[in-house]
Amino acid sequence: MAEDGYDQFDEDEPDGIPLSGKKRLFSKELRCMMYGFGDDQNPYTESVDLLEDLVIEYITDMTHQAMEIGRTGRVQVEDIIFLVRKDQRKYARVKDLLTMNEELKKARKAFDEVKYAVP
């Protein structure tokens, strides 16, 4: 069963960090998202931890892939766009978020100009 070298019931992650000692970065947000998608208001901690492990693994993999394309060793927005270009849902979401970010930058700049304008 454990042909790949990992014990099925191993309490350590492959990188050697114990599961209980990991700092959970997205627990609060994931709990809210899970509730929004129909889970219980207080989902099981194990479910949240599993989902967080999957999210962190996905982010890590995408970051490593992005570092290999474009300028090696650096992650740029264009690299992420390139990686998600074939997944229409992800591509559309990235474009929406980038557009919203630009609009927020313009709004902040306009607010600062009004705030610091001398009458």
PDB file of N, CA and C in Angstrom:
ATOM      1  N   MET A   1       0.816  -1.195   0.000  1.00  0.00           N
ATOM      2  CA  MET A   1       0.000   0.000   0.000  1.00  0.00           C
ATOM      3  C   MET A   1       0.862   1.262   0.000  1.00  0.00           C
ATOM      4  N   ALA A   2       1.873   1.307   0.863  1.00  0.00           N
ATOM      5  CA  ALA A   2       2.696   2.508   0.970  1.00  0.00           C
ATOM      6  C   ALA A   2       3.912   2.370   0.073  1.00  0.00           C
ATOM      7  N   GLU A   3       3.677   2.191  -1.230  1.00  0.00           N
ATOM      8  CA  GLU A   3       4.753   1.973  -2.179  1.00  0.00           C
ATOM      9  C   GLU A   3       5.563   3.226  -2.442  1.00  0.00           C
ATOM     10  N   ASP A   4       4.965   4.401  -2.298  1.00  0.00           N
ATOM     11  CA  ASP A   4       5.656   5.632  -2.622  1.00  0.00           C
ATOM     12  C   ASP A   4       6.543   6.120  -1.476  1.00  0.00           C
ATOM     13  N   GLY A   5       6.650   5.375  -0.386  1.00  0.00           N
ATOM     14  CA  GLY A   5       7.551   5.745   0.692  1.00  0.00           C
ATOM     15  C   GLY A   5       6.886   6.487   1.829  1.00  0.00           C
ATOM     16  N   TYR A   6       5.636   6.848   1.681  1.00  0.00           N
ATOM     17  CA  TYR A   6       4.934   7.566   2.739  1.00  0.00           C
ATOM     18  C   TYR A   6       3.950   6.627   3.418  1.00  0.00           C
ATOM     19  N   ASP A   7       3.972   6.612   4.713  1.00  0.00           N
ATOM     20  CA  ASP A   7       3.025   5.818   5.465  1.00  0.00           C
ATOM     21  C   ASP A   7       1.670   6.501   5.410  1.00  0.00           C
ATOM     22  N   GLN A   8       0.626   5.742   5.237  1.00  0.00           N
ATOM     23  CA  GLN A   8      -0.712   6.312   5.104  1.00  0.00           C
ATOM     24  C   GLN A   8      -1.113   7.096   6.346  1.00  0.00           C
ATOM     25  N   PHE A   9      -0.652   6.671   7.505  1.00  0.00           N
ATOM     26  CA  PHE A   9      -1.046   7.308   8.748  1.00  0.00           C
ATOM     27  C   PHE A   9       0.079   8.148   9.342  1.00  0.00           C
ATOM     28  N   ASP A  10       0.996   8.589   8.527  1.00  0.00           N
ATOM     29  CA  ASP A  10       2.116   9.403   8.996  1.00  0.00           C
ATOM     30  C   ASP A  10       1.598  10.748   9.491  1.00  0.00           C
ATOM     31  N   GLU A  11       2.032  11.158  10.656  1.00  0.00           N
ATOM     32  CA  GLU A  11       1.571  12.411  11.248  1.00  0.00           C
ATOM     33  C   GLU A  11       2.375  13.612  10.775  1.00  0.00           C
ATOM     34  N   ASP A  12       3.449  13.398  10.024  1.00  0.00           N
ATOM     35  CA  ASP A  12       4.262  14.508   9.530  1.00  0.00           C
ATOM     36  C   ASP A  12       3.948  14.750   8.065  1.00  0.00           C
ATOM     37  N   GLU A  13       4.051  15.999   7.688  1.00  0.00           N
ATOM     38  CA  GLU A  13       3.951  16.353   6.283  1.00  0.00           C
ATOM     39  C   GLU A  13       5.234  15.884   5.594  1.00  0.00           C
ATOM     40  N   PRO A  14       5.242  15.783   4.264  1.00  0.00           N
ATOM     41  CA  PRO A  14       6.453  15.363   3.561  1.00  0.00           C
ATOM     42  C   PRO A  14       7.661  16.249   3.848  1.00  0.00           C
ATOM     43  N   ASP A  15       7.442  17.506   4.185  1.00  0.00           N
ATOM     44  CA  ASP A  15       8.568  18.390   4.461  1.00  0.00           C
ATOM     45  C   ASP A  15       9.031  18.293   5.908  1.00  0.00           C
ATOM     46  N   GLY A  16       8.449  17.387   6.693  1.00  0.00           N
ATOM     47  CA  GLY A  16       8.915  17.134   8.038  1.00  0.00           C
ATOM     48  C   GLY A  16       8.304  18.000   9.118  1.00  0.00           C
ATOM     49  N   ILE A  17       7.365  18.845   8.789  1.00  0.00           N
ATOM     50  CA  ILE A  17       6.724  19.702   9.784  1.00  0.00           C
ATOM     51  C   ILE A  17       5.513  18.961  10.329  1.00  0.00           C
ATOM     52  N   PRO A  18       5.441  18.782  11.640  1.00  0.00           N
ATOM     53  CA  PRO A  18       4.272  18.090  12.197  1.00  0.00           C
ATOM     54  C   PRO A  18       2.995  18.871  11.928  1.00  0.00           C
ATOM     55  N   LEU A  19       1.909  18.144  11.683  1.00  0.00           N
ATOM     56  CA  LEU A  19       0.634  18.794  11.398  1.00  0.00           C
ATOM     57  C   LEU A  19       0.183  19.672  12.557  1.00  0.00           C
ATOM     58  N   SER A  20       0.386  19.210  13.783  1.00  0.00           N
ATOM     59  CA  SER A  20      -0.090  19.967  14.939  1.00  0.00           C
ATOM     60  C   SER A  20       0.714  21.244  15.149  1.00  0.00           C
ATOM     61  N   GLY A  21       1.932  21.307  14.639  1.00  0.00           N
ATOM     62  CA  GLY A  21       2.782  22.471  14.854  1.00  0.00           C
ATOM     63  C   GLY A  21       2.693  23.514  13.763  1.00  0.00           C
ATOM     64  N   LYS A  22       1.900  23.271  12.728  1.00  0.00           N
ATOM     65  CA  LYS A  22       1.794  24.215  11.625  1.00  0.00           C
ATOM     66  C   LYS A  22       0.965  25.416  12.016  1.00  0.00           C
ATOM     67  N   LYS A  23       1.380  26.563  11.549  1.00  0.00           N
ATOM     68  CA  LYS A  23       0.586  27.763  11.766  1.00  0.00           C
ATOM     69  C   LYS A  23      -0.468  27.816  10.662  1.00  0.00           C
ATOM     70  N   ARG A  24      -1.682  27.930  11.052  1.00  0.00           N
ATOM     71  CA  ARG A  24      -2.785  27.974  10.100  1.00  0.00           C
ATOM     72  C   ARG A  24      -3.000  29.414   9.665  1.00  0.00           C
ATOM     73  N   LEU A  25      -2.841  29.662   8.375  1.00  0.00           N
ATOM     74  CA  LEU A  25      -2.905  31.019   7.848  1.00  0.00           C
ATOM     75  C   LEU A  25      -4.298  31.424   7.388  1.00  0.00           C
ATOM     76  N   PHE A  26      -5.072  30.463   6.887  1.00  0.00           N
ATOM     77  CA  PHE A  26      -6.334  30.786   6.243  1.00  0.00           C
ATOM     78  C   PHE A  26      -7.551  30.183   6.947  1.00  0.00           C
ATOM     79  N   SER A  27      -7.403  29.734   8.164  1.00  0.00           N
ATOM     80  CA  SER A  27      -8.489  29.015   8.835  1.00  0.00           C
ATOM     81  C   SER A  27      -9.771  29.829   8.917  1.00  0.00           C
ATOM     82  N   LYS A  28      -9.662  31.060   9.342  1.00  0.00           N
ATOM     83  CA  LYS A  28     -10.859  31.891   9.503  1.00  0.00           C
ATOM     84  C   LYS A  28     -11.567  32.099   8.165  1.00  0.00           C
ATOM     85  N   GLU A  29     -10.801  32.436   7.133  1.00  0.00           N
ATOM     86  CA  GLU A  29     -11.381  32.683   5.818  1.00  0.00           C
ATOM     87  C   GLU A  29     -11.990  31.411   5.234  1.00  0.00           C
ATOM     88  N   LEU A  30     -11.297  30.280   5.412  1.00  0.00           N
ATOM     89  CA  LEU A  30     -11.810  29.024   4.882  1.00  0.00           C
ATOM     90  C   LEU A  30     -13.091  28.600   5.592  1.00  0.00           C
ATOM     91  N   ARG A  31     -13.167  28.834   6.894  1.00  0.00           N
ATOM     92  CA  ARG A  31     -14.397  28.517   7.625  1.00  0.00           C
ATOM     93  C   ARG A  31     -15.568  29.330   7.062  1.00  0.00           C
ATOM     94  N   CYS A  32     -15.334  30.617   6.821  1.00  0.00           N
ATOM     95  CA  CYS A  32     -16.388  31.469   6.246  1.00  0.00           C
ATOM     96  C   CYS A  32     -16.772  31.011   4.845  1.00  0.00           C
ATOM     97  N   MET A  33     -15.780  30.645   4.036  1.00  0.00           N
ATOM     98  CA  MET A  33     -16.067  30.178   2.686  1.00  0.00           C
ATOM     99  C   MET A  33     -16.839  28.866   2.712  1.00  0.00           C
ATOM    100  N   MET A  34     -16.433  27.968   3.605  1.00  0.00           N
ATOM    101  CA  MET A  34     -17.126  26.687   3.701  1.00  0.00           C
ATOM    102  C   MET A  34     -18.584  26.898   4.113  1.00  0.00           C
ATOM    103  N   TYR A  35     -18.808  27.801   5.049  1.00  0.00           N
ATOM    104  CA  TYR A  35     -20.178  28.103   5.472  1.00  0.00           C
ATOM    105  C   TYR A  35     -20.962  28.718   4.307  1.00  0.00           C
ATOM    106  N   GLY A  36     -20.324  29.603   3.565  1.00  0.00           N
ATOM    107  CA  GLY A  36     -20.978  30.232   2.419  1.00  0.00           C
ATOM    108  C   GLY A  36     -21.341  29.239   1.327  1.00  0.00           C
ATOM    109  N   PHE A  37     -20.580  28.155   1.236  1.00  0.00           N
ATOM    110  CA  PHE A  37     -20.851  27.133   0.233  1.00  0.00           C
ATOM    111  C   PHE A  37     -21.701  25.993   0.783  1.00  0.00           C
ATOM    112  N   GLY A  38     -22.291  26.180   1.982  1.00  0.00           N
ATOM    113  CA  GLY A  38     -23.272  25.224   2.464  1.00  0.00           C
ATOM    114  C   GLY A  38     -22.835  24.317   3.589  1.00  0.00           C
ATOM    115  N   ASP A  39     -21.625  24.476   4.080  1.00  0.00           N
ATOM    116  CA  ASP A  39     -21.190  23.657   5.206  1.00  0.00           C
ATOM    117  C   ASP A  39     -21.787  24.214   6.498  1.00  0.00           C
ATOM    118  N   ASP A  40     -21.533  23.541   7.585  1.00  0.00           N
ATOM    119  CA  ASP A  40     -21.993  23.979   8.892  1.00  0.00           C
ATOM    120  C   ASP A  40     -21.308  25.292   9.263  1.00  0.00           C
ATOM    121  N   GLN A  41     -21.945  26.088  10.123  1.00  0.00           N
ATOM    122  CA  GLN A  41     -21.357  27.364  10.524  1.00  0.00           C
ATOM    123  C   GLN A  41     -20.020  27.153  11.231  1.00  0.00           C
ATOM    124  N   ASN A  42     -19.885  26.065  11.947  1.00  0.00           N
ATOM    125  CA  ASN A  42     -18.625  25.698  12.597  1.00  0.00           C
ATOM    126  C   ASN A  42     -18.170  24.355  12.053  1.00  0.00           C
ATOM    127  N   PRO A  43     -17.487  24.348  10.895  1.00  0.00           N
ATOM    128  CA  PRO A  43     -17.071  23.068  10.301  1.00  0.00           C
ATOM    129  C   PRO A  43     -16.009  22.387  11.158  1.00  0.00           C
ATOM    130  N   TYR A  44     -15.861  21.099  10.940  1.00  0.00           N
ATOM    131  CA  TYR A  44     -14.855  20.335  11.665  1.00  0.00           C
ATOM    132  C   TYR A  44     -13.472  20.930  11.414  1.00  0.00           C
ATOM    133  N   THR A  45     -12.688  20.995  12.466  1.00  0.00           N
ATOM    134  CA  THR A  45     -11.318  21.515  12.358  1.00  0.00           C
ATOM    135  C   THR A  45     -10.507  20.688  11.373  1.00  0.00           C
ATOM    136  N   GLU A  46     -10.721  19.386  11.358  1.00  0.00           N
ATOM    137  CA  GLU A  46      -9.989  18.510  10.441  1.00  0.00           C
ATOM    138  C   GLU A  46     -10.300  18.861   8.988  1.00  0.00           C
ATOM    139  N   SER A  47     -11.558  19.203   8.714  1.00  0.00           N
ATOM    140  CA  SER A  47     -11.950  19.575   7.352  1.00  0.00           C
ATOM    141  C   SER A  47     -11.274  20.880   6.942  1.00  0.00           C
ATOM    142  N   VAL A  48     -11.261  21.842   7.839  1.00  0.00           N
ATOM    143  CA  VAL A  48     -10.629  23.125   7.553  1.00  0.00           C
ATOM    144  C   VAL A  48      -9.130  22.941   7.352  1.00  0.00           C
ATOM    145  N   ASP A  49      -8.507  22.133   8.202  1.00  0.00           N
ATOM    146  CA  ASP A  49      -7.070  21.886   8.080  1.00  0.00           C
ATOM    147  C   ASP A  49      -6.732  21.193   6.770  1.00  0.00           C
ATOM    148  N   LEU A  50      -7.551  20.214   6.376  1.00  0.00           N
ATOM    149  CA  LEU A  50      -7.325  19.515   5.108  1.00  0.00           C
ATOM    150  C   LEU A  50      -7.452  20.488   3.939  1.00  0.00           C
ATOM    151  N   LEU A  51      -8.492  21.295   3.961  1.00  0.00           N
ATOM    152  CA  LEU A  51      -8.691  22.264   2.890  1.00  0.00           C
ATOM    153  C   LEU A  51      -7.540  23.267   2.844  1.00  0.00           C
ATOM    154  N   GLU A  52      -7.079  23.697   4.008  1.00  0.00           N
ATOM    155  CA  GLU A  52      -5.952  24.634   4.039  1.00  0.00           C
ATOM    156  C   GLU A  52      -4.681  23.995   3.493  1.00  0.00           C
ATOM    157  N   ASP A  53      -4.455  22.732   3.814  1.00  0.00           N
ATOM    158  CA  ASP A  53      -3.301  22.033   3.250  1.00  0.00           C
ATOM    159  C   ASP A  53      -3.377  21.996   1.726  1.00  0.00           C
ATOM    160  N   LEU A  54      -4.574  21.747   1.197  1.00  0.00           N
ATOM    161  CA  LEU A  54      -4.758  21.710  -0.257  1.00  0.00           C
ATOM    162  C   LEU A  54      -4.516  23.085  -0.879  1.00  0.00           C
ATOM    163  N   VAL A  55      -5.013  24.127  -0.229  1.00  0.00           N
ATOM    164  CA  VAL A  55      -4.837  25.492  -0.738  1.00  0.00           C
ATOM    165  C   VAL A  55      -3.357  25.862  -0.752  1.00  0.00           C
ATOM    166  N   ILE A  56      -2.669  25.574   0.329  1.00  0.00           N
ATOM    167  CA  ILE A  56      -1.244  25.919   0.412  1.00  0.00           C
ATOM    168  C   ILE A  56      -0.437  25.118  -0.598  1.00  0.00           C
ATOM    169  N   GLU A  57      -0.798  23.856  -0.787  1.00  0.00           N
ATOM    170  CA  GLU A  57      -0.116  23.039  -1.794  1.00  0.00           C
ATOM    171  C   GLU A  57      -0.336  23.619  -3.190  1.00  0.00           C
ATOM    172  N   TYR A  58      -1.568  24.046  -3.491  1.00  0.00           N
ATOM    173  CA  TYR A  58      -1.865  24.634  -4.801  1.00  0.00           C
ATOM    174  C   TYR A  58      -1.077  25.928  -5.002  1.00  0.00           C
ATOM    175  N   ILE A  59      -1.076  26.783  -3.995  1.00  0.00           N
ATOM    176  CA  ILE A  59      -0.345  28.053  -4.099  1.00  0.00           C
ATOM    177  C   ILE A  59       1.144  27.794  -4.290  1.00  0.00           C
ATOM    178  N   THR A  60       1.681  26.841  -3.546  1.00  0.00           N
ATOM    179  CA  THR A  60       3.103  26.507  -3.661  1.00  0.00           C
ATOM    180  C   THR A  60       3.428  25.987  -5.053  1.00  0.00           C
ATOM    181  N   ASP A  61       2.602  25.073  -5.559  1.00  0.00           N
ATOM    182  CA  ASP A  61       2.835  24.527  -6.900  1.00  0.00           C
ATOM    183  C   ASP A  61       2.757  25.615  -7.968  1.00  0.00           C
ATOM    184  N   MET A  62       1.750  26.470  -7.882  1.00  0.00           N
ATOM    185  CA  MET A  62       1.613  27.551  -8.862  1.00  0.00           C
ATOM    186  C   MET A  62       2.799  28.510  -8.788  1.00  0.00           C
ATOM    187  N   THR A  63       3.264  28.790  -7.587  1.00  0.00           N
ATOM    188  CA  THR A  63       4.401  29.687  -7.425  1.00  0.00           C
ATOM    189  C   THR A  63       5.662  29.076  -8.024  1.00  0.00           C
ATOM    190  N   HIS A  64       5.875  27.794  -7.778  1.00  0.00           N
ATOM    191  CA  HIS A  64       7.041  27.126  -8.354  1.00  0.00           C
ATOM    192  C   HIS A  64       6.972  27.120  -9.884  1.00  0.00           C
ATOM    193  N   GLN A  65       5.798  26.854 -10.419  1.00  0.00           N
ATOM    194  CA  GLN A  65       5.638  26.865 -11.875  1.00  0.00           C
ATOM    195  C   GLN A  65       5.871  28.261 -12.433  1.00  0.00           C
ATOM    196  N   ALA A  66       5.361  29.276 -11.747  1.00  0.00           N
ATOM    197  CA  ALA A  66       5.524  30.653 -12.211  1.00  0.00           C
ATOM    198  C   ALA A  66       6.981  31.084 -12.157  1.00  0.00           C
ATOM    199  N   MET A  67       7.725  30.556 -11.197  1.00  0.00           N
ATOM    200  CA  MET A  67       9.134  30.908 -11.088  1.00  0.00           C
ATOM    201  C   MET A  67       9.963  30.302 -12.214  1.00  0.00           C
ATOM    202  N   GLU A  68       9.459  29.223 -12.822  1.00  0.00           N
ATOM    203  CA  GLU A  68      10.197  28.555 -13.889  1.00  0.00           C
ATOM    204  C   GLU A  68       9.974  29.186 -15.255  1.00  0.00           C
ATOM    205  N   ILE A  69       8.874  29.928 -15.416  1.00  0.00           N
ATOM    206  CA  ILE A  69       8.606  30.564 -16.703  1.00  0.00           C
ATOM    207  C   ILE A  69       8.926  32.047 -16.583  1.00  0.00           C
ATOM    208  N   GLY A  70       8.967  32.718 -17.696  1.00  0.00           N
ATOM    209  CA  GLY A  70       9.271  34.151 -17.668  1.00  0.00           C
ATOM    210  C   GLY A  70      10.678  34.380 -17.152  1.00  0.00           C
ATOM    211  N   ARG A  71      10.829  35.365 -16.292  1.00  0.00           N
ATOM    212  CA  ARG A  71      12.116  35.617 -15.662  1.00  0.00           C
ATOM    213  C   ARG A  71      12.317  34.612 -14.547  1.00  0.00           C
ATOM    214  N   THR A  72      13.272  33.731 -14.722  1.00  0.00           N
ATOM    215  CA  THR A  72      13.498  32.654 -13.766  1.00  0.00           C
ATOM    216  C   THR A  72      13.797  33.218 -12.378  1.00  0.00           C
ATOM    217  N   GLY A  73      13.110  32.658 -11.384  1.00  0.00           N
ATOM    218  CA  GLY A  73      13.336  33.065 -10.006  1.00  0.00           C
ATOM    219  C   GLY A  73      12.453  34.196  -9.532  1.00  0.00           C
ATOM    220  N   ARG A  74      11.632  34.753 -10.419  1.00  0.00           N
ATOM    221  CA  ARG A  74      10.725  35.839 -10.048  1.00  0.00           C
ATOM    222  C   ARG A  74       9.315  35.488 -10.486  1.00  0.00           C
ATOM    223  N   VAL A  75       8.356  35.877  -9.683  1.00  0.00           N
ATOM    224  CA  VAL A  75       6.952  35.659 -10.032  1.00  0.00           C
ATOM    225  C   VAL A  75       6.355  37.006 -10.404  1.00  0.00           C
ATOM    226  N   GLN A  76       5.803  37.075 -11.602  1.00  0.00           N
ATOM    227  CA  GLN A  76       5.154  38.287 -12.055  1.00  0.00           C
ATOM    228  C   GLN A  76       3.709  37.968 -12.417  1.00  0.00           C
ATOM    229  N   VAL A  77       2.889  38.991 -12.465  1.00  0.00           N
ATOM    230  CA  VAL A  77       1.466  38.825 -12.761  1.00  0.00           C
ATOM    231  C   VAL A  77       1.275  38.100 -14.097  1.00  0.00           C
ATOM    232  N   GLU A  78       2.075  38.446 -15.065  1.00  0.00           N
ATOM    233  CA  GLU A  78       1.953  37.831 -16.390  1.00  0.00           C
ATOM    234  C   GLU A  78       2.186  36.323 -16.330  1.00  0.00           C
ATOM    235  N   ASP A  79       3.071  35.891 -15.426  1.00  0.00           N
ATOM    236  CA  ASP A  79       3.340  34.459 -15.292  1.00  0.00           C
ATOM    237  C   ASP A  79       2.111  33.716 -14.770  1.00  0.00           C
ATOM    238  N   ILE A  80       1.418  34.312 -13.806  1.00  0.00           N
ATOM    239  CA  ILE A  80       0.209  33.691 -13.264  1.00  0.00           C
ATOM    240  C   ILE A  80      -0.875  33.652 -14.342  1.00  0.00           C
ATOM    241  N   ILE A  81      -1.018  34.735 -15.084  1.00  0.00           N
ATOM    242  CA  ILE A  81      -1.998  34.769 -16.172  1.00  0.00           C
ATOM    243  C   ILE A  81      -1.681  33.674 -17.191  1.00  0.00           C
ATOM    244  N   PHE A  82      -0.407  33.513 -17.502  1.00  0.00           N
ATOM    245  CA  PHE A  82       0.005  32.476 -18.454  1.00  0.00           C
ATOM    246  C   PHE A  82      -0.369  31.087 -17.950  1.00  0.00           C
ATOM    247  N   LEU A  83      -0.197  30.844 -16.655  1.00  0.00           N
ATOM    248  CA  LEU A  83      -0.480  29.520 -16.100  1.00  0.00           C
ATOM    249  C   LEU A  83      -1.973  29.187 -16.082  1.00  0.00           C
ATOM    250  N   VAL A  84      -2.822  30.192 -15.903  1.00  0.00           N
ATOM    251  CA  VAL A  84      -4.263  29.922 -15.800  1.00  0.00           C
ATOM    252  C   VAL A  84      -5.009  30.196 -17.104  1.00  0.00           C
ATOM    253  N   ARG A  85      -4.304  30.486 -18.163  1.00  0.00           N
ATOM    254  CA  ARG A  85      -4.937  30.915 -19.421  1.00  0.00           C
ATOM    255  C   ARG A  85      -5.887  29.877 -20.007  1.00  0.00           C
ATOM    256  N   LYS A  86      -5.654  28.594 -19.766  1.00  0.00           N
ATOM    257  CA  LYS A  86      -6.492  27.548 -20.359  1.00  0.00           C
ATOM    258  C   LYS A  86      -7.718  27.222 -19.511  1.00  0.00           C
ATOM    259  N   ASP A  87      -7.714  27.641 -18.252  1.00  0.00           N
ATOM    260  CA  ASP A  87      -8.867  27.436 -17.372  1.00  0.00           C
ATOM    261  C   ASP A  87      -9.679  28.728 -17.385  1.00  0.00           C
ATOM    262  N   GLN A  88     -10.772  28.718 -18.132  1.00  0.00           N
ATOM    263  CA  GLN A  88     -11.534  29.952 -18.360  1.00  0.00           C
ATOM    264  C   GLN A  88     -12.053  30.589 -17.075  1.00  0.00           C
ATOM    265  N   ARG A  89     -12.471  29.791 -16.110  1.00  0.00           N
ATOM    266  CA  ARG A  89     -12.996  30.346 -14.852  1.00  0.00           C
ATOM    267  C   ARG A  89     -11.895  31.063 -14.078  1.00  0.00           C
ATOM    268  N   LYS A  90     -10.743  30.416 -13.968  1.00  0.00           N
ATOM    269  CA  LYS A  90      -9.631  31.036 -13.246  1.00  0.00           C
ATOM    270  C   LYS A  90      -9.132  32.266 -13.984  1.00  0.00           C
ATOM    271  N   TYR A  91      -9.040  32.162 -15.309  1.00  0.00           N
ATOM    272  CA  TYR A  91      -8.570  33.283 -16.119  1.00  0.00           C
ATOM    273  C   TYR A  91      -9.499  34.494 -15.960  1.00  0.00           C
ATOM    274  N   ALA A  92     -10.805  34.251 -16.015  1.00  0.00           N
ATOM    275  CA  ALA A  92     -11.773  35.342 -15.864  1.00  0.00           C
ATOM    276  C   ALA A  92     -11.675  35.958 -14.473  1.00  0.00           C
ATOM    277  N   ARG A  93     -11.489  35.125 -13.461  1.00  0.00           N
ATOM    278  CA  ARG A  93     -11.383  35.638 -12.089  1.00  0.00           C
ATOM    279  C   ARG A  93     -10.120  36.468 -11.904  1.00  0.00           C
ATOM    280  N   VAL A  94      -9.012  36.007 -12.468  1.00  0.00           N
ATOM    281  CA  VAL A  94      -7.761  36.769 -12.384  1.00  0.00           C
ATOM    282  C   VAL A  94      -7.926  38.119 -13.074  1.00  0.00           C
ATOM    283  N   LYS A  95      -8.542  38.119 -14.239  1.00  0.00           N
ATOM    284  CA  LYS A  95      -8.765  39.384 -14.961  1.00  0.00           C
ATOM    285  C   LYS A  95      -9.660  40.323 -14.160  1.00  0.00           C
ATOM    286  N   ASP A  96     -10.733  39.784 -13.563  1.00  0.00           N
ATOM    287  CA  ASP A  96     -11.626  40.607 -12.737  1.00  0.00           C
ATOM    288  C   ASP A  96     -10.875  41.211 -11.554  1.00  0.00           C
ATOM    289  N   LEU A  97     -10.078  40.396 -10.876  1.00  0.00           N
ATOM    290  CA  LEU A  97      -9.342  40.891  -9.716  1.00  0.00           C
ATOM    291  C   LEU A  97      -8.308  41.940 -10.108  1.00  0.00           C
ATOM    292  N   LEU A  98      -7.648  41.747 -11.232  1.00  0.00           N
ATOM    293  CA  LEU A  98      -6.664  42.739 -11.687  1.00  0.00           C
ATOM    294  C   LEU A  98      -7.342  44.052 -12.081  1.00  0.00           C
ATOM    295  N   THR A  99      -8.489  43.959 -12.733  1.00  0.00           N
ATOM    296  CA  THR A  99      -9.248  45.153 -13.098  1.00  0.00           C
ATOM    297  C   THR A  99      -9.708  45.895 -11.854  1.00  0.00           C
ATOM    298  N   MET A 100     -10.224  45.149 -10.884  1.00  0.00           N
ATOM    299  CA  MET A 100     -10.682  45.758  -9.637  1.00  0.00           C
ATOM    300  C   MET A 100      -9.521  46.416  -8.893  1.00  0.00           C
ATOM    301  N   ASN A 101      -8.362  45.783  -8.923  1.00  0.00           N
ATOM    302  CA  ASN A 101      -7.179  46.345  -8.275  1.00  0.00           C
ATOM    303  C   ASN A 101      -6.790  47.677  -8.912  1.00  0.00           C
ATOM    304  N   GLU A 102      -6.835  47.737 -10.230  1.00  0.00           N
ATOM    305  CA  GLU A 102      -6.520  48.995 -10.921  1.00  0.00           C
ATOM    306  C   GLU A 102      -7.531  50.090 -10.577  1.00  0.00           C
ATOM    307  N   GLU A 103      -8.806  49.724 -10.516  1.00  0.00           N
ATOM    308  CA  GLU A 103      -9.838  50.695 -10.162  1.00  0.00           C
ATOM    309  C   GLU A 103      -9.643  51.207  -8.738  1.00  0.00           C
ATOM    310  N   LEU A 104      -9.282  50.318  -7.826  1.00  0.00           N
ATOM    311  CA  LEU A 104      -9.022  50.739  -6.444  1.00  0.00           C
ATOM    312  C   LEU A 104      -7.818  51.667  -6.364  1.00  0.00           C
ATOM    313  N   LYS A 105      -6.772  51.377  -7.133  1.00  0.00           N
ATOM    314  CA  LYS A 105      -5.595  52.255  -7.152  1.00  0.00           C
ATOM    315  C   LYS A 105      -5.969  53.651  -7.641  1.00  0.00           C
ATOM    316  N   LYS A 106      -6.768  53.711  -8.709  1.00  0.00           N
ATOM    317  CA  LYS A 106      -7.193  55.008  -9.248  1.00  0.00           C
ATOM    318  C   LYS A 106      -8.047  55.752  -8.240  1.00  0.00           C
ATOM    319  N   ALA A 107      -8.948  55.048  -7.558  1.00  0.00           N
ATOM    320  CA  ALA A 107      -9.815  55.690  -6.571  1.00  0.00           C
ATOM    321  C   ALA A 107      -9.000  56.215  -5.395  1.00  0.00           C
ATOM    322  N   ARG A 108      -8.019  55.447  -4.933  1.00  0.00           N
ATOM    323  CA  ARG A 108      -7.167  55.910  -3.830  1.00  0.00           C
ATOM    324  C   ARG A 108      -6.366  57.136  -4.242  1.00  0.00           C
ATOM    325  N   LYS A 109      -5.844  57.101  -5.461  1.00  0.00           N
ATOM    326  CA  LYS A 109      -5.061  58.229  -5.947  1.00  0.00           C
ATOM    327  C   LYS A 109      -5.929  59.476  -6.042  1.00  0.00           C
ATOM    328  N   ALA A 110      -7.143  59.345  -6.569  1.00  0.00           N
ATOM    329  CA  ALA A 110      -8.054  60.484  -6.669  1.00  0.00           C
ATOM    330  C   ALA A 110      -8.435  60.989  -5.277  1.00  0.00           C
ATOM    331  N   PHE A 111      -8.648  60.097  -4.326  1.00  0.00           N
ATOM    332  CA  PHE A 111      -8.986  60.481  -2.963  1.00  0.00           C
ATOM    333  C   PHE A 111      -7.819  61.238  -2.320  1.00  0.00           C
ATOM    334  N   ASP A 112      -6.615  60.730  -2.516  1.00  0.00           N
ATOM    335  CA  ASP A 112      -5.428  61.399  -1.950  1.00  0.00           C
ATOM    336  C   ASP A 112      -5.225  62.788  -2.560  1.00  0.00           C
ATOM    337  N   GLU A 113      -5.487  62.918  -3.860  1.00  0.00           N
ATOM    338  CA  GLU A 113      -5.327  64.215  -4.505  1.00  0.00           C
ATOM    339  C   GLU A 113      -6.339  65.221  -3.940  1.00  0.00           C
ATOM    340  N   VAL A 114      -7.559  64.785  -3.704  1.00  0.00           N
ATOM    341  CA  VAL A 114      -8.576  65.671  -3.126  1.00  0.00           C
ATOM    342  C   VAL A 114      -8.235  65.984  -1.681  1.00  0.00           C
ATOM    343  N   LYS A 115      -7.760  64.990  -0.950  1.00  0.00           N
ATOM    344  CA  LYS A 115      -7.443  65.151   0.465  1.00  0.00           C
ATOM    345  C   LYS A 115      -6.316  66.152   0.693  1.00  0.00           C
ATOM    346  N   TYR A 116      -5.299  66.091  -0.167  1.00  0.00           N
ATOM    347  CA  TYR A 116      -4.134  66.928   0.019  1.00  0.00           C
ATOM    348  C   TYR A 116      -4.163  68.200  -0.847  1.00  0.00           C
ATOM    349  N   ALA A 117      -5.224  68.427  -1.550  1.00  0.00           N
ATOM    350  CA  ALA A 117      -5.334  69.627  -2.386  1.00  0.00           C
ATOM    351  C   ALA A 117      -5.475  70.861  -1.487  1.00  0.00           C
ATOM    352  N   VAL A 118      -4.786  71.895  -1.879  1.00  0.00           N
ATOM    353  CA  VAL A 118      -4.854  73.152  -1.117  1.00  0.00           C
ATOM    354  C   VAL A 118      -5.984  73.991  -1.725  1.00  0.00           C
ATOM    355  N   PRO A 119      -6.955  74.401  -0.903  1.00  0.00           N
ATOM    356  CA  PRO A 119      -8.084  75.178  -1.443  1.00  0.00           C
ATOM    357  C   PRO A 119      -7.699  76.580  -1.876  1.00  0.00           C
TER     358      PRO A 119
END
